[in-house]
Amino acid sequence: MIELLFLAAVAALVGWLVNRKRRQRSAAVAAGEAAGVPCMLKWSAHGSRWRAGRLLIGAGPPVWKASWGGRELALPTDLRRTGTRAPSTREGMSINPGSRILEYASSGGMVLIAVMPDELDLVGKALESA
């Protein structure tokens, strides 16, 4: 019984911290500051795998920074949004199945960005205004 209470307390703490971080990112972007939104990127010009990282938005053109290796990729300037969808069953094995995928077309090929539903509007508006 004590274990269940401990796990419930830990889950509540983690939920509060995640929500707090999301609110901080939204406030930073609204204030015109740079913020890093966690996401997964799949860009046909750079391979066929989903890569974890952060989308740096808010100040200047959007840049994707890899979680491992510190590699930064400037996203194409001619992004055109073609749709939003839920991940397929196969994609759900490599990305969070609760995320949503923003589909963009560009001269460099298709760009897919998987973000959590809470940050879908934030990322969509940032990429449209860039």
C-alpha atoms as a PDB file:
ATOM      1  CA  MET A   1       0.000   0.000   0.000  1.00  0.00           C
ATOM      2  CA  ILE A   2       2.839   2.380   0.824  1.00  0.00           C
ATOM      3  CA  GLU A   3       4.408   1.648  -2.555  1.00  0.00           C
ATOM      4  CA  LEU A   4       1.234   2.684  -4.366  1.00  0.00           C
ATOM      5  CA  LEU A   5       1.065   5.949  -2.444  1.00  0.00           C
ATOM      6  CA  PHE A   6       4.716   6.617  -3.232  1.00  0.00           C
ATOM      7  CA  LEU A   7       4.187   5.920  -6.958  1.00  0.00           C
ATOM      8  CA  ALA A   8       1.105   8.174  -7.031  1.00  0.00           C
ATOM      9  CA  ALA A   9       3.098  10.986  -5.416  1.00  0.00           C
ATOM     10  CA  VAL A  10       5.955  10.555  -7.906  1.00  0.00           C
ATOM     11  CA  ALA A  11       3.511  10.510 -10.846  1.00  0.00           C
ATOM     12  CA  ALA A  12       1.835  13.706  -9.595  1.00  0.00           C
ATOM     13  CA  LEU A  13       5.220  15.406  -9.209  1.00  0.00           C
ATOM     14  CA  VAL A  14       6.363  14.406 -12.707  1.00  0.00           C
ATOM     15  CA  GLY A  15       3.068  15.598 -14.221  1.00  0.00           C
ATOM     16  CA  TRP A  16       3.376  18.935 -12.455  1.00  0.00           C
ATOM     17  CA  LEU A  17       6.991  19.396 -13.629  1.00  0.00           C
ATOM     18  CA  VAL A  18       6.152  18.548 -17.256  1.00  0.00           C
ATOM     19  CA  ASN A  19       3.192  20.951 -17.281  1.00  0.00           C
ATOM     20  CA  ARG A  20       5.303  23.690 -15.683  1.00  0.00           C
ATOM     21  CA  LYS A  21       8.017  23.297 -18.339  1.00  0.00           C
ATOM     22  CA  ARG A  22       5.413  23.457 -21.128  1.00  0.00           C
ATOM     23  CA  ARG A  23       3.974  26.688 -19.689  1.00  0.00           C
ATOM     24  CA  GLN A  24       7.485  28.180 -19.474  1.00  0.00           C
ATOM     25  CA  ARG A  25       8.118  27.377 -23.159  1.00  0.00           C
ATOM     26  CA  SER A  26       4.818  28.958 -24.202  1.00  0.00           C
ATOM     27  CA  ALA A  27       5.542  32.099 -22.172  1.00  0.00           C
ATOM     28  CA  ALA A  28       9.059  32.375 -23.625  1.00  0.00           C
ATOM     29  CA  VAL A  29       7.822  32.141 -27.218  1.00  0.00           C
ATOM     30  CA  ALA A  30       5.045  34.667 -26.509  1.00  0.00           C
ATOM     31  CA  ALA A  31       7.693  37.053 -25.140  1.00  0.00           C
ATOM     32  CA  GLY A  32       9.817  36.631 -28.272  1.00  0.00           C
ATOM     33  CA  GLU A  33      12.522  34.579 -26.592  1.00  0.00           C
ATOM     34  CA  ALA A  34      13.970  31.338 -27.913  1.00  0.00           C
ATOM     35  CA  ALA A  35      12.562  28.089 -26.565  1.00  0.00           C
ATOM     36  CA  GLY A  36      13.405  24.455 -27.282  1.00  0.00           C
ATOM     37  CA  VAL A  37      10.370  22.245 -27.862  1.00  0.00           C
ATOM     38  CA  PRO A  38      11.065  18.493 -27.588  1.00  0.00           C
ATOM     39  CA  CYS A  39      10.171  16.724 -30.807  1.00  0.00           C
ATOM     40  CA  MET A  40      11.134  14.023 -33.255  1.00  0.00           C
ATOM     41  CA  LEU A  41      12.205  14.914 -36.797  1.00  0.00           C
ATOM     42  CA  LYS A  42      12.127  12.857 -39.966  1.00  0.00           C
ATOM     43  CA  TRP A  43      13.473  14.635 -43.021  1.00  0.00           C
ATOM     44  CA  SER A  44      13.700  12.753 -46.304  1.00  0.00           C
ATOM     45  CA  ALA A  45      16.851  14.698 -47.270  1.00  0.00           C
ATOM     46  CA  HIS A  46      18.641  13.389 -44.141  1.00  0.00           C
ATOM     47  CA  GLY A  47      17.568   9.757 -44.046  1.00  0.00           C
ATOM     48  CA  SER A  48      14.489   7.751 -43.201  1.00  0.00           C
ATOM     49  CA  ARG A  49      14.828   7.513 -39.400  1.00  0.00           C
ATOM     50  CA  TRP A  50      13.085   9.478 -36.694  1.00  0.00           C
ATOM     51  CA  ARG A  51      15.605  11.523 -34.723  1.00  0.00           C
ATOM     52  CA  ALA A  52      15.052  12.908 -31.223  1.00  0.00           C
ATOM     53  CA  GLY A  53      15.850  16.514 -30.507  1.00  0.00           C
ATOM     54  CA  ARG A  54      14.507  19.990 -29.832  1.00  0.00           C
ATOM     55  CA  LEU A  55      13.017  22.504 -32.203  1.00  0.00           C
ATOM     56  CA  LEU A  56      14.458  25.911 -31.286  1.00  0.00           C
ATOM     57  CA  ILE A  57      11.760  28.476 -32.034  1.00  0.00           C
ATOM     58  CA  GLY A  58      10.944  32.035 -31.071  1.00  0.00           C
ATOM     59  CA  ALA A  59      14.057  33.974 -32.063  1.00  0.00           C
ATOM     60  CA  GLY A  60      15.204  33.793 -35.664  1.00  0.00           C
ATOM     61  CA  PRO A  61      14.577  30.940 -38.085  1.00  0.00           C
ATOM     62  CA  PRO A  62      13.589  27.579 -36.596  1.00  0.00           C
ATOM     63  CA  VAL A  63      16.501  25.231 -36.001  1.00  0.00           C
ATOM     64  CA  TRP A  64      16.360  21.582 -34.966  1.00  0.00           C
ATOM     65  CA  LYS A  65      19.049  20.443 -32.511  1.00  0.00           C
ATOM     66  CA  ALA A  66      19.752  16.737 -32.036  1.00  0.00           C
ATOM     67  CA  SER A  67      19.550  15.276 -28.538  1.00  0.00           C
ATOM     68  CA  TRP A  68      22.753  13.332 -29.053  1.00  0.00           C
ATOM     69  CA  GLY A  69      25.793  14.822 -30.690  1.00  0.00           C
ATOM     70  CA  GLY A  70      24.665  18.436 -30.636  1.00  0.00           C
ATOM     71  CA  ARG A  71      24.113  18.505 -34.396  1.00  0.00           C
ATOM     72  CA  GLU A  72      21.986  21.443 -35.566  1.00  0.00           C
ATOM     73  CA  LEU A  73      19.941  21.549 -38.756  1.00  0.00           C
ATOM     74  CA  ALA A  74      18.386  24.716 -40.129  1.00  0.00           C
ATOM     75  CA  LEU A  75      14.938  23.871 -41.438  1.00  0.00           C
ATOM     76  CA  PRO A  76      14.129  24.925 -45.007  1.00  0.00           C
ATOM     77  CA  THR A  77      12.648  28.396 -45.388  1.00  0.00           C
ATOM     78  CA  ASP A  78      10.042  27.246 -47.908  1.00  0.00           C
ATOM     79  CA  LEU A  79       8.078  24.905 -45.605  1.00  0.00           C
ATOM     80  CA  ARG A  80       4.435  24.425 -46.631  1.00  0.00           C
ATOM     81  CA  ARG A  81       2.163  22.600 -44.214  1.00  0.00           C
ATOM     82  CA  THR A  82       0.395  19.722 -45.905  1.00  0.00           C
ATOM     83  CA  GLY A  83      -1.319  18.101 -42.943  1.00  0.00           C
ATOM     84  CA  THR A  84      -1.490  16.914 -39.378  1.00  0.00           C
ATOM     85  CA  ARG A  85      -2.046  13.307 -38.410  1.00  0.00           C
ATOM     86  CA  ALA A  86      -1.680  10.732 -35.689  1.00  0.00           C
ATOM     87  CA  PRO A  87       1.253   8.322 -35.995  1.00  0.00           C
ATOM     88  CA  SER A  88       0.635   4.988 -37.675  1.00  0.00           C
ATOM     89  CA  THR A  89       1.064   1.791 -35.685  1.00  0.00           C
ATOM     90  CA  ARG A  90       4.525   1.281 -37.149  1.00  0.00           C
ATOM     91  CA  GLU A  91       5.570   4.879 -36.413  1.00  0.00           C
ATOM     92  CA  GLY A  92       4.186   4.536 -32.892  1.00  0.00           C
ATOM     93  CA  MET A  93       6.936   2.010 -32.165  1.00  0.00           C
ATOM     94  CA  SER A  94       9.672   4.591 -32.742  1.00  0.00           C
ATOM     95  CA  ILE A  95       7.941   7.759 -31.542  1.00  0.00           C
ATOM     96  CA  ASN A  96       5.433   8.441 -28.779  1.00  0.00           C
ATOM     97  CA  PRO A  97       2.087   7.019 -30.015  1.00  0.00           C
ATOM     98  CA  GLY A  98       0.269   9.888 -28.278  1.00  0.00           C
ATOM     99  CA  SER A  99       2.072  12.531 -30.343  1.00  0.00           C
ATOM    100  CA  ARG A 100       0.847  14.240 -33.498  1.00  0.00           C
ATOM    101  CA  ILE A 101       2.813  14.539 -36.727  1.00  0.00           C
ATOM    102  CA  LEU A 102       3.026  17.826 -38.591  1.00  0.00           C
ATOM    103  CA  GLU A 103       3.698  17.216 -42.291  1.00  0.00           C
ATOM    104  CA  TYR A 104       5.537  19.851 -44.330  1.00  0.00           C
ATOM    105  CA  ALA A 105       6.637  19.905 -47.949  1.00  0.00           C
ATOM    106  CA  SER A 106       9.726  21.814 -49.057  1.00  0.00           C
ATOM    107  CA  SER A 107      12.235  21.942 -51.873  1.00  0.00           C
ATOM    108  CA  GLY A 108      14.434  19.615 -49.769  1.00  0.00           C
ATOM    109  CA  GLY A 109      11.713  16.956 -49.530  1.00  0.00           C
ATOM    110  CA  MET A 110       9.129  16.018 -46.929  1.00  0.00           C
ATOM    111  CA  VAL A 111       9.740  17.159 -43.347  1.00  0.00           C
ATOM    112  CA  LEU A 112       7.814  15.383 -40.581  1.00  0.00           C
ATOM    113  CA  ILE A 113       7.839  16.761 -37.034  1.00  0.00           C
ATOM    114  CA  ALA A 114       6.277  14.750 -34.199  1.00  0.00           C
ATOM    115  CA  VAL A 115       5.231  16.801 -31.152  1.00  0.00           C
ATOM    116  CA  MET A 116       2.915  16.241 -28.223  1.00  0.00           C
ATOM    117  CA  PRO A 117      -0.658  17.558 -28.685  1.00  0.00           C
ATOM    118  CA  ASP A 118      -0.165  20.272 -26.028  1.00  0.00           C
ATOM    119  CA  GLU A 119       2.543  21.916 -28.133  1.00  0.00           C
ATOM    120  CA  LEU A 120       1.024  21.346 -31.553  1.00  0.00           C
ATOM    121  CA  ASP A 121      -0.299  24.907 -31.904  1.00  0.00           C
ATOM    122  CA  LEU A 122       2.917  26.442 -30.570  1.00  0.00           C
ATOM    123  CA  VAL A 123       5.100  24.635 -33.114  1.00  0.00           C
ATOM    124  CA  GLY A 124       2.609  25.067 -35.978  1.00  0.00           C
ATOM    125  CA  LYS A 125       2.352  28.825 -35.507  1.00  0.00           C
ATOM    126  CA  ALA A 126       6.116  29.214 -35.097  1.00  0.00           C
ATOM    127  CA  LEU A 127       6.848  27.345 -38.336  1.00  0.00           C
ATOM    128  CA  GLU A 128       4.143  29.208 -40.273  1.00  0.00           C
ATOM    129  CA  SER A 129       5.458  32.613 -39.194  1.00  0.00           C
ATOM    130  CA  ALA A 130       9.099  31.740 -39.967  1.00  0.00           C
END
